[in-house]
Protein backbone atom coordinates (compact mmCIF):
# COMPACT_ATOMS: atom_id res chain seq x y z
CA MET A 1 9.29 -5.65 -13.09
CA ASN A 2 11.83 -3.32 -14.64
CA LEU A 3 14.54 -2.78 -12.00
CA GLU A 4 15.86 0.43 -13.56
CA HIS A 5 12.36 1.90 -13.88
CA PRO A 6 10.25 0.60 -10.94
CA GLY A 7 6.56 0.37 -11.69
CA HIS A 8 7.10 -0.27 -15.40
CA SER A 9 6.98 -3.71 -16.96
CA ILE A 10 8.36 -2.24 -20.21
CA PHE A 11 10.40 0.91 -20.64
CA VAL A 12 11.71 2.12 -24.01
CA THR A 13 13.90 5.11 -24.84
CA GLY A 14 14.30 6.41 -28.37
CA ILE A 15 14.05 9.36 -30.71
CA TYR A 16 10.80 10.71 -32.15
CA ASN A 17 10.89 13.65 -34.57
CA GLY A 18 14.49 14.36 -33.57
CA LYS A 19 13.75 14.51 -29.83
CA ASN A 20 14.62 12.00 -27.11
CA VAL A 21 11.50 10.26 -25.84
CA GLU A 22 10.62 7.64 -23.26
CA PHE A 23 7.71 5.22 -23.17
CA GLY A 24 6.83 3.21 -20.10
CA SER A 25 3.98 0.88 -19.31
CA ASP A 26 2.89 -0.67 -16.04
CA THR A 27 0.74 -3.23 -17.88
CA THR A 28 1.67 -6.88 -17.33
CA PHE A 29 2.19 -8.58 -20.68
CA SER A 30 2.00 -12.31 -21.25
CA SER A 31 1.95 -14.49 -24.32
CA ASP A 32 0.78 -18.07 -24.82
CA GLN A 33 2.63 -19.88 -27.58
CA ASN A 34 1.92 -23.23 -29.15
CA PHE A 35 5.03 -24.97 -30.42
CA ASN A 36 4.56 -26.88 -33.65
CA GLN A 37 7.34 -29.29 -32.85
CA GLN A 38 7.44 -31.53 -29.79
CA GLN A 39 10.63 -31.16 -27.78
CA ASP A 40 11.99 -34.26 -26.03
CA ILE A 41 14.20 -33.02 -23.22
CA PRO A 42 16.37 -35.54 -21.38
CA LEU A 43 16.29 -35.33 -17.61
CA GLN A 44 20.10 -35.04 -17.37
CA ASN A 45 22.83 -33.25 -19.34
CA ALA A 46 20.48 -31.17 -21.42
CA GLN A 47 19.98 -27.51 -22.15
CA LEU A 48 16.77 -25.83 -23.18
CA LYS A 49 17.13 -22.64 -25.17
CA VAL A 50 14.12 -20.31 -25.22
CA ILE A 51 14.32 -17.20 -27.38
CA ILE A 52 11.83 -14.36 -26.95
CA SER A 53 11.91 -11.79 -29.73
CA PHE A 54 9.74 -8.82 -30.59
CA ASP A 55 9.65 -5.98 -33.07
CA VAL A 56 9.67 -2.71 -31.10
CA LEU A 57 8.86 -0.71 -34.26
CA GLU A 58 5.51 -2.51 -34.49
CA TRP A 59 4.60 -1.24 -31.01
CA PHE A 60 4.53 2.32 -32.31
CA ARG A 61 2.81 1.66 -35.66
CA GLY A 62 -0.73 3.00 -35.87
CA ASP A 63 -3.51 2.74 -38.41
CA GLU A 64 -2.44 2.83 -42.05
CA ASN A 65 1.20 2.42 -40.93
CA GLY A 66 1.27 5.84 -39.26
CA ILE A 67 3.67 6.28 -36.33
CA LEU A 68 2.21 6.69 -32.85
CA ASN A 69 3.72 9.45 -30.72
CA PRO A 70 4.94 7.77 -27.50
CA GLN A 71 4.66 11.07 -25.65
CA GLU A 72 0.94 11.49 -26.32
CA GLU A 73 -1.20 9.95 -23.61
CA ALA A 74 -3.86 9.24 -26.27
CA SER A 75 -1.41 6.80 -27.95
CA GLN A 76 -0.73 4.78 -24.76
CA ASP A 77 -3.60 2.28 -25.16
CA GLU A 78 -2.89 1.61 -28.83
CA ILE A 79 0.83 1.11 -28.17
CA GLU A 80 0.05 -1.31 -25.33
CA LYS A 81 -2.35 -3.24 -27.61
CA ASN A 82 0.47 -3.61 -30.16
CA ILE A 83 2.97 -5.05 -27.68
CA ARG A 84 1.42 -8.45 -26.88
CA PRO A 85 1.06 -9.73 -30.49
CA SER A 86 4.66 -8.72 -31.26
CA PHE A 87 6.14 -11.45 -29.00
CA LYS A 88 7.55 -14.49 -30.81
CA ILE A 89 8.92 -17.40 -28.82
CA SER A 90 11.07 -20.25 -30.10
CA MET A 91 12.54 -23.21 -28.25
CA SER A 92 15.21 -25.84 -28.84
CA SER A 93 16.94 -28.45 -26.71
CA MET A 94 20.47 -29.81 -26.80
CA VAL A 95 22.13 -32.71 -25.02
CA ASN A 96 25.52 -31.88 -23.46
């Protein structure tokens, strides 16, 4: 849950055609990732670093690389469909 914008799991502010815009979604997003490399994590004195990254520009990219207007309700479903595949997760461990 987004604490600054209750009811939204994701909330983005930006500029579209020179105007301030906001996009919010109450959809719950999840992502399953398979890691190519096995991580051996000691039970003591270890840290696990998990990095979640995503390309927000891809959320608003439509067909043929057109830009989706976040203020148009008709764009909401397509923007939400673009969010999930944009998540990339990486992991590493380190012994202290």
